[in-house]
Amino acid sequence: MAYSELLADRIRQVFKEKNTRFEEKKMMGGLCFMVNDKMCCGVHEERLMGRLDPDFEAEAMKREGCKPMDFTGRPMKGYVFVYPEGTDRDKDLEFWVQRCLDFNPKAKSSKKK
């Protein structure tokens, strides 16, 4: 299944409103938004993929639509999926993108080949 272009466009708009430079890369069957050469967030099918501070993860799970990200059947620490019910409103999407941006300076960068 292709990723939601509408959600991708909405994320682009949030980055533009926050004057945040980003790059886009197709990966993991979706689209990733890279900030400072690190994955910040993305779109997989109809859901937001978020890279968050692991210390915020338990609190994040209490929010509507938020679930652990588990591509392999095992949750990935510091990553979540947020389903449409958690991103339908612009202020909710902005909340999640901001949480991802807040963690980005602390996130480890992938090793370059």
Protein backbone atom coordinates (compact mmCIF):
# COMPACT_ATOMS: atom_id res chain seq x y z
CA MET A 1 0.00 0.00 0.00
CA ALA A 2 1.28 3.45 -0.84
CA TYR A 3 1.65 6.08 1.84
CA SER A 4 -0.84 8.89 2.34
CA GLU A 5 0.15 11.84 0.15
CA LEU A 6 -2.32 14.01 2.08
CA LEU A 7 -0.59 13.30 5.39
CA ALA A 8 2.81 13.88 3.76
CA ASP A 9 1.62 17.27 2.44
CA ARG A 10 0.31 18.22 5.88
CA ILE A 11 3.66 17.33 7.49
CA ARG A 12 5.51 19.39 4.87
CA GLN A 13 3.26 22.32 5.74
CA VAL A 14 4.04 22.00 9.47
CA PHE A 15 7.79 22.00 8.72
CA LYS A 16 7.39 25.07 6.50
CA GLU A 17 5.40 26.92 9.17
CA LYS A 18 8.16 26.13 11.68
CA ASN A 19 10.87 27.24 9.21
CA THR A 20 12.47 23.80 9.49
CA ARG A 21 14.74 22.54 6.75
CA PHE A 22 14.10 18.92 5.86
CA GLU A 23 14.81 16.30 3.24
CA GLU A 24 12.54 13.48 2.12
CA LYS A 25 13.60 9.89 1.58
CA LYS A 26 11.51 6.94 0.54
CA MET A 27 12.21 4.08 2.92
CA MET A 28 10.51 1.40 4.99
CA GLY A 29 7.64 1.30 2.49
CA GLY A 30 6.82 4.93 3.17
CA LEU A 31 8.28 8.41 3.24
CA CYS A 32 10.72 9.67 5.88
CA PHE A 33 11.36 13.30 6.70
CA MET A 34 14.98 13.88 7.63
CA VAL A 35 16.06 16.85 9.76
CA ASN A 36 19.79 17.39 10.34
CA ASP A 37 20.46 14.13 8.44
CA LYS A 38 18.41 12.15 10.98
CA MET A 39 14.99 10.57 10.66
CA CYS A 40 12.54 12.91 12.35
CA CYS A 41 9.14 11.52 11.31
CA GLY A 42 7.46 9.99 8.34
CA VAL A 43 4.40 8.45 6.77
CA HIS A 44 3.73 4.72 6.53
CA GLU A 45 0.44 3.83 4.87
CA GLU A 46 -2.06 6.22 6.52
CA ARG A 47 -0.15 6.70 9.77
CA LEU A 48 2.48 9.04 11.06
CA MET A 49 5.77 7.44 12.06
CA GLY A 50 7.29 9.41 14.88
CA ARG A 51 10.75 9.33 16.41
CA LEU A 52 10.34 10.51 19.98
CA ASP A 53 12.32 10.81 23.15
CA PRO A 54 12.05 7.33 24.74
CA ASP A 55 11.34 9.09 28.07
CA PHE A 56 8.14 10.50 26.52
CA GLU A 57 7.00 7.20 25.02
CA ALA A 58 4.80 6.05 27.94
CA GLU A 59 3.01 9.41 27.99
CA ALA A 60 2.65 9.31 24.19
CA MET A 61 0.86 5.95 24.35
CA LYS A 62 -1.95 7.60 26.33
CA ARG A 63 -2.79 9.90 23.40
CA GLU A 64 -5.46 8.97 20.89
CA GLY A 65 -4.24 6.89 17.95
CA CYS A 66 -0.72 6.30 19.28
CA LYS A 67 0.68 2.75 19.17
CA PRO A 68 4.17 1.25 19.38
CA MET A 69 5.96 1.00 16.04
CA ASP A 70 6.57 -2.67 15.36
CA PHE A 71 7.67 -3.52 11.83
CA THR A 72 9.22 -6.79 12.97
CA GLY A 73 6.61 -7.78 15.55
CA ARG A 74 8.73 -6.23 18.29
CA PRO A 75 8.20 -2.59 19.29
CA MET A 76 11.04 -0.23 18.41
CA LYS A 77 12.05 1.93 21.38
CA GLY A 78 11.57 5.62 20.71
CA TYR A 79 9.38 5.11 17.63
CA VAL A 80 5.59 5.24 17.40
CA PHE A 81 2.81 5.02 14.87
CA VAL A 82 0.05 7.59 15.19
CA TYR A 83 -3.10 6.55 13.37
CA PRO A 84 -5.41 9.05 11.63
CA GLU A 85 -7.64 9.59 14.68
CA GLY A 86 -4.55 11.07 16.38
CA THR A 87 -3.51 13.33 13.48
CA ASP A 88 -6.78 14.34 11.80
CA ARG A 89 -6.83 17.76 13.48
CA ASP A 90 -4.06 20.16 12.49
CA LYS A 91 -3.19 20.96 16.11
CA ASP A 92 -2.74 17.24 16.85
CA LEU A 93 -0.47 16.73 13.85
CA GLU A 94 1.53 19.79 14.86
CA PHE A 95 1.87 18.36 18.40
CA TRP A 96 3.41 15.14 17.07
CA VAL A 97 5.72 16.83 14.58
CA GLN A 98 6.91 19.19 17.33
CA ARG A 99 7.62 16.23 19.65
CA CYS A 100 9.71 14.68 16.88
CA LEU A 101 11.55 17.96 16.30
CA ASP A 102 12.18 18.33 20.05
CA PHE A 103 13.94 14.96 20.11
CA ASN A 104 15.86 15.43 16.86
CA PRO A 105 18.91 17.21 18.38
CA LYS A 106 19.33 14.32 20.85
CA ALA A 107 18.71 11.54 18.33
CA LYS A 108 21.65 9.52 17.09
CA SER A 109 22.44 9.77 13.43
CA SER A 110 22.62 6.63 11.30
CA LYS A 111 26.10 5.65 10.31
CA LYS A 112 26.87 6.73 6.75
CA LYS A 113 28.30 4.14 4.40
